[in-house]
C-alpha atoms as a PDB file:
ATOM      1  CA  MET A   1      73.954  81.572 142.474  1.00  0.00           C
ATOM      2  CA  HIS A   2      75.862  84.833 141.413  1.00  0.00           C
ATOM      3  CA  ALA A   3      78.609  84.473 138.492  1.00  0.00           C
ATOM      4  CA  LEU A   4      80.984  85.050 140.957  1.00  0.00           C
ATOM      5  CA  SER A   5      80.276  82.288 143.409  1.00  0.00           C
ATOM      6  CA  GLU A   6      79.741  79.884 140.989  1.00  0.00           C
ATOM      7  CA  SER A   7      83.231  80.618 139.638  1.00  0.00           C
ATOM      8  CA  VAL A   8      84.546  80.242 143.097  1.00  0.00           C
ATOM      9  CA  SER A   9      82.180  77.102 143.501  1.00  0.00           C
ATOM     10  CA  ILE A  10      83.809  75.538 140.749  1.00  0.00           C
ATOM     11  CA  LEU A  11      87.327  76.260 141.521  1.00  0.00           C
ATOM     12  CA  THR A  12      87.143  74.557 144.916  1.00  0.00           C
ATOM     13  CA  VAL A  13      86.230  71.146 143.128  1.00  0.00           C
ATOM     14  CA  ARG A  14      89.403  69.260 142.322  1.00  0.00           C
ATOM     15  CA  LYS A  15      88.201  67.494 138.885  1.00  0.00           C
ATOM     16  CA  ILE A  16      87.659  70.231 136.055  1.00  0.00           C
ATOM     17  CA  VAL A  17      86.612  69.487 132.579  1.00  0.00           C
ATOM     18  CA  GLU A  18      86.555  72.131 129.927  1.00  0.00           C
ATOM     19  CA  CYS A  19      83.840  72.204 127.453  1.00  0.00           C
ATOM     20  CA  ILE A  20      83.614  73.937 124.183  1.00  0.00           C
ATOM     21  CA  PRO A  21      80.707  73.180 122.108  1.00  0.00           C
ATOM     22  CA  ASN A  22      80.032  74.700 118.491  1.00  0.00           C
ATOM     23  CA  PHE A  23      76.589  75.267 116.833  1.00  0.00           C
ATOM     24  CA  SER A  24      75.738  76.327 113.636  1.00  0.00           C
ATOM     25  CA  GLU A  25      74.055  79.806 114.444  1.00  0.00           C
ATOM     26  CA  GLY A  26      75.683  82.716 114.650  1.00  0.00           C
ATOM     27  CA  GLY A  27      73.382  85.226 113.878  1.00  0.00           C
ATOM     28  CA  ARG A  28      70.254  84.341 116.247  1.00  0.00           C
ATOM     29  CA  ILE A  29      71.200  85.701 119.136  1.00  0.00           C
ATOM     30  CA  GLU A  30      68.535  84.758 121.130  1.00  0.00           C
ATOM     31  CA  VAL A  31      68.696  81.052 120.085  1.00  0.00           C
ATOM     32  CA  ILE A  32      72.452  80.962 121.755  1.00  0.00           C
ATOM     33  CA  ASP A  33      70.600  82.755 124.881  1.00  0.00           C
ATOM     34  CA  GLN A  34      68.606  79.942 124.868  1.00  0.00           C
ATOM     35  CA  ILE A  35      71.425  77.447 124.591  1.00  0.00           C
ATOM     36  CA  VAL A  36      73.440  79.349 127.093  1.00  0.00           C
ATOM     37  CA  ALA A  37      70.867  79.014 129.461  1.00  0.00           C
ATOM     38  CA  ALA A  38      70.201  75.482 129.030  1.00  0.00           C
ATOM     39  CA  ILE A  39      74.259  74.758 130.230  1.00  0.00           C
ATOM     40  CA  LYS A  40      73.648  76.761 133.327  1.00  0.00           C
ATOM     41  CA  SER A  41      70.697  75.167 134.103  1.00  0.00           C
ATOM     42  CA  VAL A  42      72.900  71.985 135.197  1.00  0.00           C
ATOM     43  CA  PRO A  43      74.015  72.303 138.505  1.00  0.00           C
ATOM     44  CA  GLY A  44      77.998  73.081 138.771  1.00  0.00           C
ATOM     45  CA  ALA A  45      78.353  74.012 135.155  1.00  0.00           C
ATOM     46  CA  VAL A  46      79.729  77.470 134.594  1.00  0.00           C
ATOM     47  CA  LEU A  47      79.932  79.497 131.509  1.00  0.00           C
ATOM     48  CA  LEU A  48      83.666  81.049 131.142  1.00  0.00           C
ATOM     49  CA  ASP A  49      82.955  82.615 127.538  1.00  0.00           C
ATOM     50  CA  ARG A  50      80.342  82.938 124.003  1.00  0.00           C
ATOM     51  CA  GLU A  51      80.957  83.785 120.764  1.00  0.00           C
ATOM     52  CA  SER A  52      79.315  84.150 117.781  1.00  0.00           C
ATOM     53  CA  ASP A  53      79.937  85.255 114.339  1.00  0.00           C
ATOM     54  CA  PRO A  54      77.379  85.602 111.690  1.00  0.00           C
ATOM     55  CA  ASN A  55      79.387  85.671 108.625  1.00  0.00           C
ATOM     56  CA  HIS A  56      80.415  81.746 110.134  1.00  0.00           C
ATOM     57  CA  ASN A  57      77.078  81.411 110.991  1.00  0.00           C
ATOM     58  CA  ARG A  58      78.678  79.771 114.027  1.00  0.00           C
ATOM     59  CA  SER A  59      78.741  80.121 118.111  1.00  0.00           C
ATOM     60  CA  VAL A  60      81.301  78.779 120.537  1.00  0.00           C
ATOM     61  CA  VAL A  61      80.647  78.036 123.780  1.00  0.00           C
ATOM     62  CA  THR A  62      83.040  77.309 126.858  1.00  0.00           C
ATOM     63  CA  PHE A  63      82.265  76.224 129.983  1.00  0.00           C
ATOM     64  CA  VAL A  64      83.961  73.976 133.150  1.00  0.00           C
ATOM     65  CA  ALA A  65      82.315  71.493 134.984  1.00  0.00           C
ATOM     66  CA  SER A  66      83.224  68.418 136.925  1.00  0.00           C
ATOM     67  CA  PRO A  67      83.403  64.978 135.515  1.00  0.00           C
ATOM     68  CA  GLU A  68      79.964  64.241 137.183  1.00  0.00           C
ATOM     69  CA  ARG A  69      78.312  67.086 135.284  1.00  0.00           C
ATOM     70  CA  VAL A  70      79.643  68.179 132.199  1.00  0.00           C
ATOM     71  CA  VAL A  71      77.937  65.439 130.247  1.00  0.00           C
ATOM     72  CA  ASP A  72      74.827  66.619 131.360  1.00  0.00           C
ATOM     73  CA  ALA A  73      75.617  70.119 130.492  1.00  0.00           C
ATOM     74  CA  ALA A  74      76.635  69.064 127.220  1.00  0.00           C
ATOM     75  CA  VAL A  75      73.438  67.062 126.526  1.00  0.00           C
ATOM     76  CA  ALA A  76      71.440  69.634 127.590  1.00  0.00           C
ATOM     77  CA  ALA A  77      72.675  71.980 125.018  1.00  0.00           C
ATOM     78  CA  ALA A  78      72.739  69.765 122.487  1.00  0.00           C
ATOM     79  CA  LYS A  79      68.688  69.232 123.252  1.00  0.00           C
ATOM     80  CA  LYS A  80      67.935  72.837 123.046  1.00  0.00           C
ATOM     81  CA  ALA A  81      70.226  73.177 119.591  1.00  0.00           C
ATOM     82  CA  ALA A  82      68.591  70.462 118.351  1.00  0.00           C
ATOM     83  CA  GLU A  83      65.169  71.948 118.862  1.00  0.00           C
ATOM     84  CA  LEU A  84      66.066  75.637 117.419  1.00  0.00           C
ATOM     85  CA  ILE A  85      68.563  74.934 114.846  1.00  0.00           C
ATOM     86  CA  ASP A  86      67.204  73.479 111.042  1.00  0.00           C
ATOM     87  CA  LEU A  87      70.876  72.450 109.348  1.00  0.00           C
ATOM     88  CA  ASN A  88      68.473  72.339 106.158  1.00  0.00           C
ATOM     89  CA  LYS A  89      67.947  76.255 106.450  1.00  0.00           C
ATOM     90  CA  HIS A  90      71.294  77.087 107.608  1.00  0.00           C
ATOM     91  CA  THR A  91      73.687  78.610 105.535  1.00  0.00           C
ATOM     92  CA  GLY A  92      77.383  79.897 106.447  1.00  0.00           C
ATOM     93  CA  GLU A  93      80.920  80.286 105.620  1.00  0.00           C
ATOM     94  CA  HIS A  94      82.385  77.464 108.147  1.00  0.00           C
ATOM     95  CA  PRO A  95      81.963  73.971 107.300  1.00  0.00           C
ATOM     96  CA  ARG A  96      79.090  72.086 109.490  1.00  0.00           C
ATOM     97  CA  MET A  97      77.171  68.667 109.697  1.00  0.00           C
ATOM     98  CA  GLY A  98      75.041  69.460 112.821  1.00  0.00           C
ATOM     99  CA  SER A  99      73.239  72.016 114.771  1.00  0.00           C
ATOM    100  CA  THR A 100      75.363  71.137 117.450  1.00  0.00           C
ATOM    101  CA  ASP A 101      78.821  70.245 115.175  1.00  0.00           C
ATOM    102  CA  VAL A 102      81.284  69.827 117.848  1.00  0.00           C
ATOM    103  CA  ILE A 103      81.442  68.804 121.407  1.00  0.00           C
ATOM    104  CA  PRO A 104      84.894  68.641 122.628  1.00  0.00           C
ATOM    105  CA  PHE A 105      85.984  67.641 126.356  1.00  0.00           C
ATOM    106  CA  VAL A 106      89.457  69.002 127.192  1.00  0.00           C
ATOM    107  CA  PRO A 107      91.231  67.907 130.689  1.00  0.00           C
ATOM    108  CA  ILE A 108      91.924  70.996 132.993  1.00  0.00           C
ATOM    109  CA  SER A 109      92.534  70.231 136.458  1.00  0.00           C
ATOM    110  CA  ASP A 110      93.106  66.526 138.153  1.00  0.00           C
ATOM    111  CA  VAL A 111      91.777  65.145 135.055  1.00  0.00           C
ATOM    112  CA  THR A 112      93.426  62.685 132.396  1.00  0.00           C
ATOM    113  CA  MET A 113      92.994  62.296 128.727  1.00  0.00           C
ATOM    114  CA  ASP A 114      91.472  59.160 129.313  1.00  0.00           C
ATOM    115  CA  GLU A 115      88.630  60.081 131.610  1.00  0.00           C
ATOM    116  CA  CYS A 116      87.965  63.166 128.839  1.00  0.00           C
ATOM    117  CA  VAL A 117      87.816  60.028 126.240  1.00  0.00           C
ATOM    118  CA  ALA A 118      85.326  58.454 128.450  1.00  0.00           C
ATOM    119  CA  LEU A 119      83.335  61.336 129.144  1.00  0.00           C
ATOM    120  CA  ALA A 120      83.107  61.560 125.164  1.00  0.00           C
ATOM    121  CA  ARG A 121      82.081  58.126 124.842  1.00  0.00           C
ATOM    122  CA  SER A 122      79.085  58.472 127.283  1.00  0.00           C
ATOM    123  CA  CYS A 123      77.895  62.203 125.673  1.00  0.00           C
ATOM    124  CA  GLY A 124      78.136  60.332 122.347  1.00  0.00           C
ATOM    125  CA  GLU A 125      75.981  57.302 123.789  1.00  0.00           C
ATOM    126  CA  ARG A 126      73.375  59.495 125.231  1.00  0.00           C
ATOM    127  CA  MET A 127      73.244  62.306 122.742  1.00  0.00           C
ATOM    128  CA  SER A 128      72.184  58.715 120.103  1.00  0.00           C
ATOM    129  CA  SER A 129      69.826  57.246 122.797  1.00  0.00           C
ATOM    130  CA  GLU A 130      68.123  60.648 124.292  1.00  0.00           C
ATOM    131  CA  LEU A 131      67.646  62.993 121.500  1.00  0.00           C
ATOM    132  CA  GLY A 132      68.095  60.613 118.323  1.00  0.00           C
ATOM    133  CA  ILE A 133      70.926  62.703 116.924  1.00  0.00           C
ATOM    134  CA  PRO A 134      73.983  60.115 115.605  1.00  0.00           C
ATOM    135  CA  VAL A 135      77.496  60.415 116.726  1.00  0.00           C
ATOM    136  CA  TYR A 136      80.901  60.367 115.493  1.00  0.00           C
ATOM    137  CA  LEU A 137      83.954  60.187 117.854  1.00  0.00           C
ATOM    138  CA  TYR A 138      87.123  62.199 116.924  1.00  0.00           C
ATOM    139  CA  GLU A 139      90.297  63.158 118.374  1.00  0.00           C
ATOM    140  CA  LYS A 140      91.726  61.227 121.014  1.00  0.00           C
ATOM    141  CA  ALA A 141      88.169  59.565 121.517  1.00  0.00           C
ATOM    142  CA  ALA A 142      88.196  58.606 117.944  1.00  0.00           C
ATOM    143  CA  THR A 143      87.448  54.504 116.848  1.00  0.00           C
ATOM    144  CA  ARG A 144      89.427  54.730 113.786  1.00  0.00           C
ATOM    145  CA  PRO A 145      92.701  56.141 112.820  1.00  0.00           C
ATOM    146  CA  GLU A 146      90.901  58.557 109.940  1.00  0.00           C
ATOM    147  CA  ARG A 147      88.241  59.605 112.498  1.00  0.00           C
ATOM    148  CA  GLU A 148      90.916  61.653 114.643  1.00  0.00           C
ATOM    149  CA  ASN A 149      90.863  64.576 111.970  1.00  0.00           C
ATOM    150  CA  LEU A 150      87.740  66.461 112.364  1.00  0.00           C
ATOM    151  CA  ALA A 151      87.842  67.782 108.607  1.00  0.00           C
ATOM    152  CA  THR A 152      88.122  64.061 107.679  1.00  0.00           C
ATOM    153  CA  VAL A 153      84.808  63.410 109.886  1.00  0.00           C
ATOM    154  CA  ARG A 154      83.104  66.444 108.570  1.00  0.00           C
ATOM    155  CA  LYS A 155      83.827  66.251 104.780  1.00  0.00           C
ATOM    156  CA  GLY A 156      80.551  66.472 102.867  1.00  0.00           C
ATOM    157  CA  GLN A 157      78.788  68.745 105.587  1.00  0.00           C
ATOM    158  CA  PHE A 158      75.427  67.901 106.311  1.00  0.00           C
ATOM    159  CA  GLU A 159      73.999  67.730 102.892  1.00  0.00           C
ATOM    160  CA  GLY A 160      76.771  64.925 101.845  1.00  0.00           C
ATOM    161  CA  ILE A 161      76.482  62.789 105.152  1.00  0.00           C
ATOM    162  CA  ARG A 162      72.768  62.840 104.978  1.00  0.00           C
ATOM    163  CA  ASP A 163      72.969  61.068 101.293  1.00  0.00           C
ATOM    164  CA  ASP A 164      76.243  58.804 101.985  1.00  0.00           C
ATOM    165  CA  ILE A 165      75.554  57.436 106.013  1.00  0.00           C
ATOM    166  CA  ALA A 166      73.595  55.087 105.123  1.00  0.00           C
ATOM    167  CA  ASN A 167      75.338  52.929 101.977  1.00  0.00           C
ATOM    168  CA  ASN A 168      78.727  53.996 102.946  1.00  0.00           C
ATOM    169  CA  GLU A 169      80.170  52.088 105.587  1.00  0.00           C
ATOM    170  CA  ALA A 170      83.155  54.516 106.284  1.00  0.00           C
ATOM    171  CA  ARG A 171      80.628  56.803 107.093  1.00  0.00           C
ATOM    172  CA  ARG A 172      78.686  55.000 109.674  1.00  0.00           C
ATOM    173  CA  PRO A 173      78.380  56.836 112.793  1.00  0.00           C
ATOM    174  CA  ASP A 174      79.892  55.237 116.272  1.00  0.00           C
ATOM    175  CA  PHE A 175      76.410  55.782 117.940  1.00  0.00           C
ATOM    176  CA  GLY A 176      73.242  56.084 116.290  1.00  0.00           C
ATOM    177  CA  GLU A 177      71.396  54.581 113.429  1.00  0.00           C
ATOM    178  CA  PRO A 178      73.291  54.900 109.939  1.00  0.00           C
ATOM    179  CA  ARG A 179      70.893  58.529 109.537  1.00  0.00           C
ATOM    180  CA  VAL A 180      71.260  61.959 110.168  1.00  0.00           C
ATOM    181  CA  HIS A 181      68.630  63.464 112.524  1.00  0.00           C
ATOM    182  CA  PRO A 182      66.202  65.443 109.654  1.00  0.00           C
ATOM    183  CA  THR A 183      67.215  68.934 111.176  1.00  0.00           C
ATOM    184  CA  ALA A 184      69.909  68.695 114.490  1.00  0.00           C
ATOM    185  CA  GLY A 185      72.492  66.487 111.642  1.00  0.00           C
ATOM    186  CA  ILE A 186      75.025  64.713 113.150  1.00  0.00           C
ATOM    187  CA  THR A 187      77.670  65.449 115.493  1.00  0.00           C
ATOM    188  CA  ALA A 188      81.133  64.953 116.091  1.00  0.00           C
ATOM    189  CA  VAL A 189      82.336  64.021 119.965  1.00  0.00           C
ATOM    190  CA  GLY A 190      85.570  63.925 121.011  1.00  0.00           C
ATOM    191  CA  ALA A 191      88.423  64.561 123.688  1.00  0.00           C
ATOM    192  CA  ARG A 192      92.116  66.779 123.096  1.00  0.00           C
ATOM    193  CA  PRO A 193      94.374  69.316 124.605  1.00  0.00           C
ATOM    194  CA  PRO A 194      93.543  72.595 124.770  1.00  0.00           C
ATOM    195  CA  LEU A 195      93.621  74.527 121.386  1.00  0.00           C
ATOM    196  CA  ILE A 196      93.451  78.145 120.235  1.00  0.00           C
ATOM    197  CA  ALA A 197      91.017  79.268 117.582  1.00  0.00           C
ATOM    198  CA  TYR A 198      93.472  82.026 115.611  1.00  0.00           C
ATOM    199  CA  ASN A 199      92.231  84.042 112.509  1.00  0.00           C
ATOM    200  CA  VAL A 200      94.389  86.499 110.549  1.00  0.00           C
ATOM    201  CA  ASN A 201      92.242  88.821 108.436  1.00  0.00           C
ATOM    202  CA  LEU A 202      93.642  90.162 104.782  1.00  0.00           C
ATOM    203  CA  GLY A 203      92.910  93.276 102.876  1.00  0.00           C
ATOM    204  CA  THR A 204      91.366  91.737 100.096  1.00  0.00           C
ATOM    205  CA  SER A 205      88.711  90.229  99.409  1.00  0.00           C
ATOM    206  CA  ASP A 206      89.750  87.726  96.840  1.00  0.00           C
ATOM    207  CA  ILE A 207      88.663  84.484  98.597  1.00  0.00           C
ATOM    208  CA  GLU A 208      91.312  82.588  96.229  1.00  0.00           C
ATOM    209  CA  ILE A 209      94.153  84.312  97.941  1.00  0.00           C
ATOM    210  CA  ALA A 210      92.853  83.212 101.562  1.00  0.00           C
ATOM    211  CA  ASN A 211      92.811  79.442 100.169  1.00  0.00           C
ATOM    212  CA  LYS A 212      95.897  79.520  98.941  1.00  0.00           C
ATOM    213  CA  ILE A 213      97.381  80.925 102.013  1.00  0.00           C
ATOM    214  CA  ALA A 214      95.592  78.403 103.830  1.00  0.00           C
ATOM    215  CA  ARG A 215      97.029  75.876 101.958  1.00  0.00           C
ATOM    216  CA  ALA A 216     100.477  77.186 102.468  1.00  0.00           C
ATOM    217  CA  VAL A 217     100.411  77.280 106.309  1.00  0.00           C
ATOM    218  CA  ARG A 218      98.338  74.301 107.214  1.00  0.00           C
ATOM    219  CA  HIS A 219      99.897  70.640 108.292  1.00  0.00           C
ATOM    220  CA  GLN A 220      97.570  68.942 105.892  1.00  0.00           C
ATOM    221  CA  SER A 221      98.464  70.340 102.937  1.00  0.00           C
ATOM    222  CA  GLY A 222     102.838  70.178 104.010  1.00  0.00           C
ATOM    223  CA  GLY A 223     102.925  73.370 106.135  1.00  0.00           C
ATOM    224  CA  LEU A 224     103.119  74.158 109.640  1.00  0.00           C
ATOM    225  CA  ARG A 225     102.457  71.356 112.061  1.00  0.00           C
ATOM    226  CA  TYR A 226      99.655  71.437 114.226  1.00  0.00           C
ATOM    227  CA  VAL A 227      98.104  74.364 112.564  1.00  0.00           C
ATOM    228  CA  LYS A 228      94.811  73.517 110.524  1.00  0.00           C
ATOM    229  CA  ALA A 229      93.616  76.408 108.423  1.00  0.00           C
ATOM    230  CA  LEU A 230      90.851  77.212 105.928  1.00  0.00           C
ATOM    231  CA  GLY A 231      90.300  80.372 103.852  1.00  0.00           C
ATOM    232  CA  PHE A 232      86.994  82.400 104.609  1.00  0.00           C
ATOM    233  CA  GLU A 233      84.523  85.245 103.359  1.00  0.00           C
ATOM    234  CA  LEU A 234      84.033  88.116 105.714  1.00  0.00           C
ATOM    235  CA  LYS A 235      81.110  89.703 103.503  1.00  0.00           C
ATOM    236  CA  ASP A 236      79.998  92.428 105.746  1.00  0.00           C
ATOM    237  CA  ARG A 237      83.535  93.586 105.800  1.00  0.00           C
ATOM    238  CA  GLY A 238      84.475  92.809 102.119  1.00  0.00           C
ATOM    239  CA  ILE A 239      87.624  91.266 103.211  1.00  0.00           C
ATOM    240  CA  VAL A 240      88.863  87.367 103.917  1.00  0.00           C
ATOM    241  CA  GLN A 241      90.304  85.437 106.495  1.00  0.00           C
ATOM    242  CA  VAL A 242      92.737  82.465 106.844  1.00  0.00           C
ATOM    243  CA  SER A 243      90.976  80.884 110.024  1.00  0.00           C
ATOM    244  CA  MET A 244      93.286  78.339 111.850  1.00  0.00           C
ATOM    245  CA  ASN A 245      93.051  75.954 114.781  1.00  0.00           C
ATOM    246  CA  MET A 246      96.713  75.712 116.503  1.00  0.00           C
ATOM    247  CA  VAL A 247      96.225  72.051 118.353  1.00  0.00           C
ATOM    248  CA  ASN A 248      99.437  72.866 119.861  1.00  0.00           C
ATOM    249  CA  TYR A 249     100.740  76.302 120.526  1.00  0.00           C
ATOM    250  CA  GLU A 250     104.003  75.553 121.882  1.00  0.00           C
ATOM    251  CA  GLY A 251     105.080  73.304 119.103  1.00  0.00           C
ATOM    252  CA  THR A 252     103.759  75.907 116.743  1.00  0.00           C
ATOM    253  CA  PRO A 253     103.505  79.074 118.183  1.00  0.00           C
ATOM    254  CA  LEU A 254     101.048  82.016 117.383  1.00  0.00           C
ATOM    255  CA  PHE A 255     103.847  84.378 116.059  1.00  0.00           C
ATOM    256  CA  ARG A 256     104.648  81.671 113.964  1.00  0.00           C
ATOM    257  CA  ALA A 257     102.050  81.277 112.087  1.00  0.00           C
ATOM    258  CA  PHE A 258     101.083  84.872 111.927  1.00  0.00           C
ATOM    259  CA  GLU A 259     104.708  85.475 110.364  1.00  0.00           C
ATOM    260  CA  MET A 260     103.949  82.573 107.922  1.00  0.00           C
ATOM    261  CA  ILE A 261     100.840  84.003 106.878  1.00  0.00           C
ATOM    262  CA  LYS A 262     102.544  87.666 106.714  1.00  0.00           C
ATOM    263  CA  ARG A 263     105.218  86.462 103.719  1.00  0.00           C
ATOM    264  CA  GLU A 264     102.767  84.370 101.828  1.00  0.00           C
ATOM    265  CA  ALA A 265     100.060  87.338 101.586  1.00  0.00           C
ATOM    266  CA  GLU A 266     103.388  89.681 100.682  1.00  0.00           C
ATOM    267  CA  ARG A 267     103.455  87.478  97.711  1.00  0.00           C
ATOM    268  CA  TYR A 268     100.391  88.756  96.387  1.00  0.00           C
ATOM    269  CA  GLY A 269     100.617  92.447  97.438  1.00  0.00           C
ATOM    270  CA  VAL A 270      97.944  92.132 100.001  1.00  0.00           C
ATOM    271  CA  ALA A 271      98.313  93.429 103.795  1.00  0.00           C
ATOM    272  CA  ILE A 272      97.036  91.840 107.048  1.00  0.00           C
ATOM    273  CA  VAL A 273      94.449  94.303 108.264  1.00  0.00           C
ATOM    274  CA  GLY A 274      93.972  92.240 111.969  1.00  0.00           C
ATOM    275  CA  SER A 275      94.005  89.042 113.660  1.00  0.00           C
ATOM    276  CA  GLU A 276      91.473  87.706 116.558  1.00  0.00           C
ATOM    277  CA  ILE A 277      91.212  84.885 119.010  1.00  0.00           C
ATOM    278  CA  VAL A 278      88.284  82.849 119.598  1.00  0.00           C
ATOM    279  CA  GLY A 279      87.469  82.060 122.627  1.00  0.00           C
ATOM    280  CA  LEU A 280      89.696  81.754 125.374  1.00  0.00           C
ATOM    281  CA  VAL A 281      93.367  81.579 125.052  1.00  0.00           C
ATOM    282  CA  PRO A 282      96.034  80.021 127.848  1.00  0.00           C
ATOM    283  CA  GLN A 283      98.517  83.333 129.251  1.00  0.00           C
ATOM    284  CA  HIS A 284     101.400  81.113 128.034  1.00  0.00           C
ATOM    285  CA  ALA A 285     100.882  81.225 124.513  1.00  0.00           C
ATOM    286  CA  LEU A 286     100.365  85.464 124.833  1.00  0.00           C
ATOM    287  CA  ASN A 287     103.840  85.701 126.825  1.00  0.00           C
ATOM    288  CA  MET A 288     105.456  83.280 123.674  1.00  0.00           C
ATOM    289  CA  VAL A 289     104.188  86.080 121.322  1.00  0.00           C
ATOM    290  CA  ALA A 290     105.439  88.952 123.324  1.00  0.00           C
ATOM    291  CA  ASP A 291     108.689  87.231 124.121  1.00  0.00           C
ATOM    292  CA  PHE A 292     108.821  86.709 120.205  1.00  0.00           C
ATOM    293  CA  TYR A 293     108.132  90.207 119.145  1.00  0.00           C
ATOM    294  CA  LEU A 294     109.885  92.160 122.004  1.00  0.00           C
ATOM    295  CA  GLN A 295     112.992  90.473 121.746  1.00  0.00           C
ATOM    296  CA  LEU A 296     113.045  90.075 125.617  1.00  0.00           C
ATOM    297  CA  GLU A 297     116.285  88.693 127.273  1.00  0.00           C
ATOM    298  CA  LYS A 298     116.387  86.425 130.214  1.00  0.00           C
ATOM    299  CA  PHE A 299     112.791  86.619 130.217  1.00  0.00           C
ATOM    300  CA  SER A 300     110.488  84.666 132.918  1.00  0.00           C
ATOM    301  CA  GLU A 301     107.168  84.126 133.346  1.00  0.00           C
ATOM    302  CA  ASP A 302     107.372  85.136 136.758  1.00  0.00           C
ATOM    303  CA  GLN A 303     107.897  88.916 136.141  1.00  0.00           C
ATOM    304  CA  ILE A 304     104.363  88.818 135.347  1.00  0.00           C
ATOM    305  CA  LEU A 305     102.499  90.548 138.025  1.00  0.00           C
ATOM    306  CA  GLU A 306      99.246  88.578 138.120  1.00  0.00           C
ATOM    307  CA  HIS A 307     101.786  85.514 138.543  1.00  0.00           C
ATOM    308  CA  ARG A 308     103.616  86.902 141.172  1.00  0.00           C
ATOM    309  CA  LEU A 309     100.311  88.231 142.809  1.00  0.00           C
ATOM    310  CA  ALA A 310      98.987  84.933 142.446  1.00  0.00           C
ATOM    311  CA  ALA A 311     101.329  82.832 144.305  1.00  0.00           C
ATOM    312  CA  ALA A 312     101.768  85.578 147.052  1.00  0.00           C
ATOM    313  CA  MET A 313      98.096  85.418 147.865  1.00  0.00           C
ATOM    314  CA  GLU A 314      98.847  81.316 147.966  1.00  0.00           C
ATOM    315  CA  GLU A 315     101.131  81.693 150.609  1.00  0.00           C
ATOM    316  CA  VAL A 316      98.941  83.915 152.885  1.00  0.00           C
ATOM    317  CA  GLU A 317      95.960  81.788 152.334  1.00  0.00           C
ATOM    318  CA  ALA A 318      98.548  78.823 153.535  1.00  0.00           C
END
């Protein structure tokens, strides 16, 4: 089936779930090719996007499917990743604990968050029983309040969890034995609303500046609500980055995080050299940025050509 016909097919399905697995490989594109092929081998799973970053040594894949198929595709991807990625040989800027590091399920169309929680638990059970990979449940699927935050779940990364999991009750997995898979580690599986992965690049190689700005902007250390942030080095470019997860882009819009980072960077005599969105982004999030910076008066999203065109086409088809 061609990509276009696949996309049309999924759009005719009333219930749609988005899944965004993150893999601990960003340099060997042939590995990600095989993981993507495993996802696409599941009938009804449609690839929307894939992004790989060699500095982070991480890839983010986005696909959609019906609730009946989405777990099949996620498990198929995790199985292939476990075959091809060895955490004992992995290095990179981004924290990680598994070859398939996280698998979030996101409700998109006619699907509730509770249904996505059930999907996350089904996925976790299958990964444990079929692949021998233990699973932590996080975000809305968490079974303990302290596991809602992914940073808390992943603390210590692969090596720390490997050494601690058998002896520390707090580190016991939700599914599987209290030991990590010897090469594939452990995976966090959860359910959450849509988030935006948004990075701001700074014109300096000083990682401490990025770390200080990340601490200032992230909610957990007193910064902006709904923002998770870390500082990273982009060694191939000789600069550093404030990497963020915007977990509620309406509560804290992109422009607010950008402006705060800009002001904080000015304190250190550092300029912003660019920003990037990793993966997909809701149109509304970009509209909010345009509205803010252009200082639009009485702006309505009905003025967007594509929105008006889509509405007109629906009327014609009706």
